[in-house]
Amino acid sequence: MPDASATESKGQIPTNLRLLLLLEEVAKAGVPVAPSALSDALRLPKPTVHRLLLTAEEEGFLQRDIDGRSYGPGRRLRKLAGNTLSSQRLRTERLAIMQALESEVGETCNLAAPGRYGMVYLDRVETHWPLRMQLPVGTQVPFHCTASGKMYLSSLRIDKLKRVLSWLELEPSTAQSITTADQLLEELAVTRSRGFSTDNQEFMDNMVAVAVPIRDTEGRLMTTLSIHAPRQRHDIESLTKVVPQVQEAAKRLEMLNRS
């Protein structure tokens, strides 16, 4: 069997590896990638890259960015990433970390990843309290009025963030929801500086939440870890006191993803 790395170093990627390496390059970039950049990175002819992109887009593995030219992960690639993260060994260890966090803080914890139109819950560990918020795995929640969503938005480069805000509909979920881009930018600046985000009854009445990032080896946000609680047990000030515990659990999850 040929050595793929040696073949690649000569700019001759085997045909059966080209699409996989292109998907890997898009995922690694962390931002939408132009065909010319992919052609340079993979040292493939532009017509070849365009054919690969068309196939990946038609099959749902990639999708065009709002500029109409660049490409980012599509529905099927995001699902593949989620399924990979949820492999049995990883999920068992991940849930053990989340269960330890729930036992320590006494509230439901969630793992979420950015989707096309909001944050998608990948995993959760419920609190033992009878009074709790029901948001099952697979639920998609808005970016602008949730702790996990604001954590994700705060991680974006300012040019990318402004593009997202140009199409993001800031619909109010409660009377506390942020509904203007200027307000949201101010909130995200605060989030960025302190390293965690909050939801003070912005997504659901009588629910508060905090979230922290889980980063990959390049320091980019991969998923978020959040805690939410009913207002009857916590206000936002008391919930922020558990942020150090949430951050410690996030560090353990980062190490798990790297093992």
C-alpha atoms as a PDB file:
ATOM      1  CA  MET A   1       0.000   0.000   0.000  1.00  0.00           C
ATOM      2  CA  PRO A   2       1.504   3.415  -0.986  1.00  0.00           C
ATOM      3  CA  ASP A   3       2.606   5.813   1.756  1.00  0.00           C
ATOM      4  CA  ALA A   4      -0.049   8.546   1.566  1.00  0.00           C
ATOM      5  CA  SER A   5       2.087  11.143   3.340  1.00  0.00           C
ATOM      6  CA  ALA A   6       4.998  10.577   0.953  1.00  0.00           C
ATOM      7  CA  THR A   7       2.663  10.809  -2.016  1.00  0.00           C
ATOM      8  CA  GLU A   8       1.116  14.012  -0.693  1.00  0.00           C
ATOM      9  CA  SER A   9       4.541  15.615  -0.202  1.00  0.00           C
ATOM     10  CA  LYS A  10       5.038  15.332  -3.972  1.00  0.00           C
ATOM     11  CA  GLY A  11       1.679  16.967  -4.616  1.00  0.00           C
ATOM     12  CA  GLN A  12       0.190  13.725  -5.938  1.00  0.00           C
ATOM     13  CA  ILE A  13      -2.655  12.884  -3.598  1.00  0.00           C
ATOM     14  CA  PRO A  14      -4.290   9.539  -4.375  1.00  0.00           C
ATOM     15  CA  THR A  15      -7.752  10.026  -5.866  1.00  0.00           C
ATOM     16  CA  ASN A  16      -9.466   8.163  -3.029  1.00  0.00           C
ATOM     17  CA  LEU A  17      -7.907  10.511  -0.440  1.00  0.00           C
ATOM     18  CA  ARG A  18      -8.582  13.846  -2.097  1.00  0.00           C
ATOM     19  CA  LEU A  19     -12.108  14.437  -0.822  1.00  0.00           C
ATOM     20  CA  LEU A  20     -11.205  13.302   2.691  1.00  0.00           C
ATOM     21  CA  LEU A  21      -8.208  15.632   2.829  1.00  0.00           C
ATOM     22  CA  LEU A  22     -10.281  18.497   1.488  1.00  0.00           C
ATOM     23  CA  LEU A  23     -12.891  17.967   4.222  1.00  0.00           C
ATOM     24  CA  GLU A  24     -10.093  17.770   6.792  1.00  0.00           C
ATOM     25  CA  GLU A  25      -8.648  21.065   5.546  1.00  0.00           C
ATOM     26  CA  VAL A  26     -12.027  22.830   5.785  1.00  0.00           C
ATOM     27  CA  ALA A  27     -12.642  21.486   9.295  1.00  0.00           C
ATOM     28  CA  LYS A  28      -9.114  22.442  10.389  1.00  0.00           C
ATOM     29  CA  ALA A  29      -9.438  26.016   9.120  1.00  0.00           C
ATOM     30  CA  GLY A  30     -12.212  26.886  11.565  1.00  0.00           C
ATOM     31  CA  VAL A  31     -13.528  29.571   9.178  1.00  0.00           C
ATOM     32  CA  PRO A  32     -15.060  29.381   5.682  1.00  0.00           C
ATOM     33  CA  VAL A  33     -12.354  28.572   3.131  1.00  0.00           C
ATOM     34  CA  ALA A  34     -12.105  29.772  -0.456  1.00  0.00           C
ATOM     35  CA  PRO A  35     -11.427  27.242  -3.252  1.00  0.00           C
ATOM     36  CA  SER A  36      -8.145  28.980  -4.113  1.00  0.00           C
ATOM     37  CA  ALA A  37      -6.883  28.520  -0.550  1.00  0.00           C
ATOM     38  CA  LEU A  38      -7.790  24.828  -0.662  1.00  0.00           C
ATOM     39  CA  SER A  39      -6.061  24.457  -4.006  1.00  0.00           C
ATOM     40  CA  ASP A  40      -2.889  25.987  -2.545  1.00  0.00           C
ATOM     41  CA  ALA A  41      -3.030  23.974   0.683  1.00  0.00           C
ATOM     42  CA  LEU A  42      -3.594  20.640  -1.065  1.00  0.00           C
ATOM     43  CA  ARG A  43      -1.548  21.479  -4.166  1.00  0.00           C
ATOM     44  CA  LEU A  44      -4.369  20.326  -6.397  1.00  0.00           C
ATOM     45  CA  PRO A  45      -5.524  21.984  -9.645  1.00  0.00           C
ATOM     46  CA  LYS A  46      -8.366  24.458  -9.164  1.00  0.00           C
ATOM     47  CA  PRO A  47     -10.745  22.510 -11.473  1.00  0.00           C
ATOM     48  CA  THR A  48     -10.170  19.409  -9.328  1.00  0.00           C
ATOM     49  CA  VAL A  49     -10.886  21.331  -6.123  1.00  0.00           C
ATOM     50  CA  HIS A  50     -14.052  22.810  -7.621  1.00  0.00           C
ATOM     51  CA  ARG A  51     -15.281  19.327  -8.579  1.00  0.00           C
ATOM     52  CA  LEU A  52     -14.586  18.026  -5.085  1.00  0.00           C
ATOM     53  CA  LEU A  53     -16.352  20.999  -3.503  1.00  0.00           C
ATOM     54  CA  LEU A  54     -19.382  20.532  -5.726  1.00  0.00           C
ATOM     55  CA  THR A  55     -19.624  16.852  -4.770  1.00  0.00           C
ATOM     56  CA  ALA A  56     -19.216  17.615  -1.047  1.00  0.00           C
ATOM     57  CA  GLU A  57     -21.820  20.370  -1.239  1.00  0.00           C
ATOM     58  CA  GLU A  58     -24.342  18.248  -3.134  1.00  0.00           C
ATOM     59  CA  GLU A  59     -23.970  15.447  -0.575  1.00  0.00           C
ATOM     60  CA  GLY A  60     -24.323  17.803   2.414  1.00  0.00           C
ATOM     61  CA  PHE A  61     -20.777  17.510   3.771  1.00  0.00           C
ATOM     62  CA  LEU A  62     -19.956  21.140   2.982  1.00  0.00           C
ATOM     63  CA  GLN A  63     -22.031  24.269   2.548  1.00  0.00           C
ATOM     64  CA  ARG A  64     -21.321  27.658   1.047  1.00  0.00           C
ATOM     65  CA  ASP A  65     -20.775  30.580   3.328  1.00  0.00           C
ATOM     66  CA  ILE A  66     -22.976  33.655   3.028  1.00  0.00           C
ATOM     67  CA  ASP A  67     -20.425  35.227   0.644  1.00  0.00           C
ATOM     68  CA  GLY A  68     -21.375  32.534  -1.904  1.00  0.00           C
ATOM     69  CA  ARG A  69     -17.754  31.593  -2.560  1.00  0.00           C
ATOM     70  CA  SER A  70     -16.218  30.126   0.585  1.00  0.00           C
ATOM     71  CA  TYR A  71     -17.083  26.751   2.134  1.00  0.00           C
ATOM     72  CA  GLY A  72     -17.609  25.521   5.674  1.00  0.00           C
ATOM     73  CA  PRO A  73     -18.816  22.283   7.303  1.00  0.00           C
ATOM     74  CA  GLY A  74     -22.243  21.146   6.152  1.00  0.00           C
ATOM     75  CA  ARG A  75     -24.984  19.208   7.905  1.00  0.00           C
ATOM     76  CA  ARG A  76     -23.478  15.757   7.338  1.00  0.00           C
ATOM     77  CA  LEU A  77     -19.948  16.775   8.334  1.00  0.00           C
ATOM     78  CA  ARG A  78     -21.274  18.346  11.556  1.00  0.00           C
ATOM     79  CA  LYS A  79     -23.268  15.187  12.230  1.00  0.00           C
ATOM     80  CA  LEU A  80     -20.163  13.090  11.598  1.00  0.00           C
ATOM     81  CA  ALA A  81     -18.223  15.223  14.086  1.00  0.00           C
ATOM     82  CA  GLY A  82     -20.987  14.844  16.652  1.00  0.00           C
ATOM     83  CA  ASN A  83     -21.143  11.086  16.169  1.00  0.00           C
ATOM     84  CA  THR A  84     -17.367  10.886  16.533  1.00  0.00           C
ATOM     85  CA  LEU A  85     -17.508  12.834  19.782  1.00  0.00           C
ATOM     86  CA  SER A  86     -20.276  10.522  20.948  1.00  0.00           C
ATOM     87  CA  SER A  87     -18.387   7.282  20.349  1.00  0.00           C
ATOM     88  CA  GLN A  88     -19.024   4.921  23.244  1.00  0.00           C
ATOM     89  CA  ARG A  89     -15.650   5.142  24.995  1.00  0.00           C
ATOM     90  CA  LEU A  90     -15.467   8.905  24.762  1.00  0.00           C
ATOM     91  CA  ARG A  91     -19.080   9.341  25.751  1.00  0.00           C
ATOM     92  CA  THR A  92     -18.721   7.123  28.818  1.00  0.00           C
ATOM     93  CA  GLU A  93     -15.748   9.134  30.058  1.00  0.00           C
ATOM     94  CA  ARG A  94     -17.361  12.424  29.107  1.00  0.00           C
ATOM     95  CA  LEU A  95     -20.526  11.617  31.010  1.00  0.00           C
ATOM     96  CA  ALA A  96     -18.458  10.649  34.040  1.00  0.00           C
ATOM     97  CA  ILE A  97     -16.878  14.125  34.034  1.00  0.00           C
ATOM     98  CA  MET A  98     -20.262  15.789  33.589  1.00  0.00           C
ATOM     99  CA  GLN A  99     -21.847  13.670  36.316  1.00  0.00           C
ATOM    100  CA  ALA A 100     -19.071  14.665  38.707  1.00  0.00           C
ATOM    101  CA  LEU A 101     -19.749  18.304  37.878  1.00  0.00           C
ATOM    102  CA  GLU A 102     -23.490  17.888  38.418  1.00  0.00           C
ATOM    103  CA  SER A 103     -22.838  16.252  41.781  1.00  0.00           C
ATOM    104  CA  GLU A 104     -20.564  19.125  42.787  1.00  0.00           C
ATOM    105  CA  VAL A 105     -22.803  22.030  41.744  1.00  0.00           C
ATOM    106  CA  GLY A 106     -26.199  20.324  42.005  1.00  0.00           C
ATOM    107  CA  GLU A 107     -27.556  21.550  38.653  1.00  0.00           C
ATOM    108  CA  THR A 108     -28.021  20.207  35.128  1.00  0.00           C
ATOM    109  CA  CYS A 109     -24.983  20.457  32.858  1.00  0.00           C
ATOM    110  CA  ASN A 110     -24.995  20.457  29.057  1.00  0.00           C
ATOM    111  CA  LEU A 111     -22.519  19.962  26.242  1.00  0.00           C
ATOM    112  CA  ALA A 112     -23.404  21.894  23.083  1.00  0.00           C
ATOM    113  CA  ALA A 113     -21.868  22.503  19.668  1.00  0.00           C
ATOM    114  CA  PRO A 114     -22.595  25.204  17.099  1.00  0.00           C
ATOM    115  CA  GLY A 115     -25.003  24.212  14.355  1.00  0.00           C
ATOM    116  CA  ARG A 116     -26.149  26.143  11.312  1.00  0.00           C
ATOM    117  CA  TYR A 117     -28.786  28.244  13.090  1.00  0.00           C
ATOM    118  CA  GLY A 118     -28.077  27.693  16.788  1.00  0.00           C
ATOM    119  CA  MET A 119     -26.369  25.600  19.422  1.00  0.00           C
ATOM    120  CA  VAL A 120     -27.184  21.881  19.424  1.00  0.00           C
ATOM    121  CA  TYR A 121     -27.138  19.865  22.657  1.00  0.00           C
ATOM    122  CA  LEU A 122     -24.820  16.872  22.300  1.00  0.00           C
ATOM    123  CA  ASP A 123     -25.057  15.550  25.858  1.00  0.00           C
ATOM    124  CA  ARG A 124     -26.511  16.448  29.226  1.00  0.00           C
ATOM    125  CA  VAL A 125     -26.598  15.239  32.808  1.00  0.00           C
ATOM    126  CA  GLU A 126     -29.780  16.099  34.691  1.00  0.00           C
ATOM    127  CA  THR A 127     -29.933  17.426  38.204  1.00  0.00           C
ATOM    128  CA  HIS A 128     -31.612  15.255  40.831  1.00  0.00           C
ATOM    129  CA  TRP A 129     -34.001  18.093  41.737  1.00  0.00           C
ATOM    130  CA  PRO A 130     -37.650  17.542  40.671  1.00  0.00           C
ATOM    131  CA  LEU A 131     -37.797  21.163  39.465  1.00  0.00           C
ATOM    132  CA  ARG A 132     -35.651  21.346  36.313  1.00  0.00           C
ATOM    133  CA  MET A 133     -35.711  22.575  32.733  1.00  0.00           C
ATOM    134  CA  GLN A 134     -36.324  19.945  30.048  1.00  0.00           C
ATOM    135  CA  LEU A 135     -34.013  20.487  27.072  1.00  0.00           C
ATOM    136  CA  PRO A 136     -33.208  17.029  25.635  1.00  0.00           C
ATOM    137  CA  VAL A 137     -30.177  16.006  23.577  1.00  0.00           C
ATOM    138  CA  GLY A 138     -30.632  17.187  20.000  1.00  0.00           C
ATOM    139  CA  THR A 139     -32.417  20.393  20.997  1.00  0.00           C
ATOM    140  CA  GLN A 140     -31.261  23.437  19.026  1.00  0.00           C
ATOM    141  CA  VAL A 141     -31.301  26.754  20.897  1.00  0.00           C
ATOM    142  CA  PRO A 142     -30.611  30.301  19.618  1.00  0.00           C
ATOM    143  CA  PHE A 143     -27.157  31.831  19.517  1.00  0.00           C
ATOM    144  CA  HIS A 144     -28.015  35.287  20.802  1.00  0.00           C
ATOM    145  CA  CYS A 145     -29.988  34.571  23.972  1.00  0.00           C
ATOM    146  CA  THR A 146     -28.334  31.470  25.460  1.00  0.00           C
ATOM    147  CA  ALA A 147     -25.138  31.127  27.451  1.00  0.00           C
ATOM    148  CA  SER A 148     -23.743  28.484  25.087  1.00  0.00           C
ATOM    149  CA  GLY A 149     -24.631  30.529  22.014  1.00  0.00           C
ATOM    150  CA  LYS A 150     -23.087  33.727  23.337  1.00  0.00           C
ATOM    151  CA  MET A 151     -19.961  31.802  24.302  1.00  0.00           C
ATOM    152  CA  TYR A 152     -19.662  30.580  20.723  1.00  0.00           C
ATOM    153  CA  LEU A 153     -20.318  33.993  19.175  1.00  0.00           C
ATOM    154  CA  SER A 154     -17.698  35.583  21.435  1.00  0.00           C
ATOM    155  CA  SER A 155     -15.088  33.173  20.055  1.00  0.00           C
ATOM    156  CA  LEU A 156     -15.528  34.306  16.441  1.00  0.00           C
ATOM    157  CA  ARG A 157     -13.143  36.676  14.732  1.00  0.00           C
ATOM    158  CA  ILE A 158     -14.691  40.125  14.509  1.00  0.00           C
ATOM    159  CA  ASP A 159     -15.093  39.972  10.704  1.00  0.00           C
ATOM    160  CA  LYS A 160     -16.819  36.599  10.914  1.00  0.00           C
ATOM    161  CA  LEU A 161     -18.947  37.775  13.841  1.00  0.00           C
ATOM    162  CA  LYS A 162     -20.171  40.790  11.900  1.00  0.00           C
ATOM    163  CA  ARG A 163     -21.110  38.577   8.962  1.00  0.00           C
ATOM    164  CA  VAL A 164     -23.066  36.286  11.284  1.00  0.00           C
ATOM    165  CA  LEU A 165     -24.833  39.247  12.894  1.00  0.00           C
ATOM    166  CA  SER A 166     -25.808  40.540   9.447  1.00  0.00           C
ATOM    167  CA  TRP A 167     -28.142  37.573   8.961  1.00  0.00           C
ATOM    168  CA  LEU A 168     -28.845  36.452  12.522  1.00  0.00           C
ATOM    169  CA  GLU A 169     -32.425  37.196  13.569  1.00  0.00           C
ATOM    170  CA  LEU A 170     -32.382  38.551  17.120  1.00  0.00           C
ATOM    171  CA  GLU A 171     -35.903  37.472  17.983  1.00  0.00           C
ATOM    172  CA  PRO A 172     -36.836  37.884  21.660  1.00  0.00           C
ATOM    173  CA  SER A 173     -37.474  34.683  23.597  1.00  0.00           C
ATOM    174  CA  THR A 174     -38.269  36.591  26.794  1.00  0.00           C
ATOM    175  CA  ALA A 175     -38.467  40.222  27.880  1.00  0.00           C
ATOM    176  CA  GLN A 176     -34.781  39.953  28.888  1.00  0.00           C
ATOM    177  CA  SER A 177     -33.488  38.871  25.457  1.00  0.00           C
ATOM    178  CA  ILE A 178     -30.951  41.011  23.628  1.00  0.00           C
ATOM    179  CA  THR A 179     -32.529  42.174  20.383  1.00  0.00           C
ATOM    180  CA  THR A 180     -30.004  44.596  18.836  1.00  0.00           C
ATOM    181  CA  ALA A 181     -26.600  43.935  17.318  1.00  0.00           C
ATOM    182  CA  ASP A 182     -24.983  46.750  19.307  1.00  0.00           C
ATOM    183  CA  GLN A 183     -26.204  45.326  22.623  1.00  0.00           C
ATOM    184  CA  LEU A 184     -25.066  41.868  21.635  1.00  0.00           C
ATOM    185  CA  LEU A 185     -21.605  43.090  20.616  1.00  0.00           C
ATOM    186  CA  GLU A 186     -21.223  44.759  24.023  1.00  0.00           C
ATOM    187  CA  GLU A 187     -22.276  41.556  25.782  1.00  0.00           C
ATOM    188  CA  LEU A 188     -19.883  39.471  23.698  1.00  0.00           C
ATOM    189  CA  ALA A 189     -17.000  41.814  24.508  1.00  0.00           C
ATOM    190  CA  VAL A 190     -17.676  41.276  28.217  1.00  0.00           C
ATOM    191  CA  THR A 191     -17.936  37.515  27.656  1.00  0.00           C
ATOM    192  CA  ARG A 192     -14.639  37.479  25.776  1.00  0.00           C
ATOM    193  CA  SER A 193     -12.798  39.383  28.494  1.00  0.00           C
ATOM    194  CA  ARG A 194     -13.992  37.289  31.443  1.00  0.00           C
ATOM    195  CA  GLY A 195     -13.916  33.875  29.747  1.00  0.00           C
ATOM    196  CA  PHE A 196     -17.498  32.773  30.437  1.00  0.00           C
ATOM    197  CA  SER A 197     -20.991  33.705  29.317  1.00  0.00           C
ATOM    198  CA  THR A 198     -24.321  34.122  31.068  1.00  0.00           C
ATOM    199  CA  ASP A 199     -28.010  33.809  30.318  1.00  0.00           C
ATOM    200  CA  ASN A 200     -30.054  35.837  32.781  1.00  0.00           C
ATOM    201  CA  GLN A 201     -33.578  34.670  31.915  1.00  0.00           C
ATOM    202  CA  GLU A 202     -32.937  35.586  28.275  1.00  0.00           C
ATOM    203  CA  PHE A 203     -33.918  32.269  26.697  1.00  0.00           C
ATOM    204  CA  MET A 204     -36.534  31.056  29.176  1.00  0.00           C
ATOM    205  CA  ASP A 205     -38.301  32.917  31.937  1.00  0.00           C
ATOM    206  CA  ASN A 206     -37.066  31.899  35.385  1.00  0.00           C
ATOM    207  CA  MET A 207     -33.968  30.123  34.038  1.00  0.00           C
ATOM    208  CA  VAL A 208     -30.356  31.273  34.430  1.00  0.00           C
ATOM    209  CA  ALA A 209     -27.238  29.721  32.931  1.00  0.00           C
ATOM    210  CA  VAL A 210     -23.466  30.053  32.584  1.00  0.00           C
ATOM    211  CA  ALA A 211     -21.223  28.527  29.914  1.00  0.00           C
ATOM    212  CA  VAL A 212     -17.495  28.083  29.267  1.00  0.00           C
ATOM    213  CA  PRO A 213     -15.611  26.995  26.136  1.00  0.00           C
ATOM    214  CA  ILE A 214     -14.075  23.619  25.398  1.00  0.00           C
ATOM    215  CA  ARG A 215     -11.211  24.226  22.988  1.00  0.00           C
ATOM    216  CA  ASP A 216      -9.288  22.091  20.513  1.00  0.00           C
ATOM    217  CA  THR A 217      -5.503  21.810  20.305  1.00  0.00           C
ATOM    218  CA  GLU A 218      -5.393  25.015  18.241  1.00  0.00           C
ATOM    219  CA  GLY A 219      -7.205  26.963  20.945  1.00  0.00           C
ATOM    220  CA  ARG A 220     -10.439  27.231  18.959  1.00  0.00           C
ATOM    221  CA  LEU A 221     -13.850  26.735  20.524  1.00  0.00           C
ATOM    222  CA  MET A 222     -15.077  23.237  19.732  1.00  0.00           C
ATOM    223  CA  THR A 223     -18.030  22.869  22.108  1.00  0.00           C
ATOM    224  CA  THR A 224     -19.381  24.556  25.227  1.00  0.00           C
ATOM    225  CA  LEU A 225     -20.064  23.281  28.724  1.00  0.00           C
ATOM    226  CA  SER A 226     -22.920  24.986  30.529  1.00  0.00           C
ATOM    227  CA  ILE A 227     -24.894  24.828  33.747  1.00  0.00           C
ATOM    228  CA  HIS A 228     -28.476  26.008  33.980  1.00  0.00           C
ATOM    229  CA  ALA A 229     -30.822  26.318  36.925  1.00  0.00           C
ATOM    230  CA  PRO A 230     -34.305  27.596  37.735  1.00  0.00           C
ATOM    231  CA  ARG A 231     -34.506  31.067  39.233  1.00  0.00           C
ATOM    232  CA  GLN A 232     -36.070  29.549  42.368  1.00  0.00           C
ATOM    233  CA  ARG A 233     -32.654  28.048  43.286  1.00  0.00           C
ATOM    234  CA  HIS A 234     -30.196  30.501  41.739  1.00  0.00           C
ATOM    235  CA  ASP A 235     -29.959  34.027  40.490  1.00  0.00           C
ATOM    236  CA  ILE A 236     -27.244  34.858  37.968  1.00  0.00           C
ATOM    237  CA  GLU A 237     -24.894  36.127  40.684  1.00  0.00           C
ATOM    238  CA  SER A 238     -25.017  32.918  42.692  1.00  0.00           C
ATOM    239  CA  LEU A 239     -24.697  30.741  39.591  1.00  0.00           C
ATOM    240  CA  THR A 240     -21.547  32.522  38.440  1.00  0.00           C
ATOM    241  CA  LYS A 241     -19.895  31.362  41.663  1.00  0.00           C
ATOM    242  CA  VAL A 242     -19.708  27.824  40.227  1.00  0.00           C
ATOM    243  CA  VAL A 243     -17.875  28.978  37.064  1.00  0.00           C
ATOM    244  CA  PRO A 244     -14.466  27.797  38.389  1.00  0.00           C
ATOM    245  CA  GLN A 245     -15.860  24.258  38.792  1.00  0.00           C
ATOM    246  CA  VAL A 246     -17.335  24.386  35.282  1.00  0.00           C
ATOM    247  CA  GLN A 247     -14.007  25.592  33.872  1.00  0.00           C
ATOM    248  CA  GLU A 248     -12.156  22.784  35.617  1.00  0.00           C
ATOM    249  CA  ALA A 249     -14.548  20.213  34.130  1.00  0.00           C
ATOM    250  CA  ALA A 250     -14.071  21.823  30.708  1.00  0.00           C
ATOM    251  CA  LYS A 251     -10.298  21.375  31.031  1.00  0.00           C
ATOM    252  CA  ARG A 252     -10.818  17.697  31.772  1.00  0.00           C
ATOM    253  CA  LEU A 253     -13.050  17.359  28.722  1.00  0.00           C
ATOM    254  CA  GLU A 254     -10.395  19.062  26.579  1.00  0.00           C
ATOM    255  CA  MET A 255      -7.798  16.542  27.768  1.00  0.00           C
ATOM    256  CA  LEU A 256     -10.198  13.696  27.059  1.00  0.00           C
ATOM    257  CA  ASN A 257     -10.715  14.888  23.477  1.00  0.00           C
ATOM    258  CA  ARG A 258      -6.948  14.960  22.975  1.00  0.00           C
ATOM    259  CA  SER A 259      -6.295  11.460  24.296  1.00  0.00           C
END
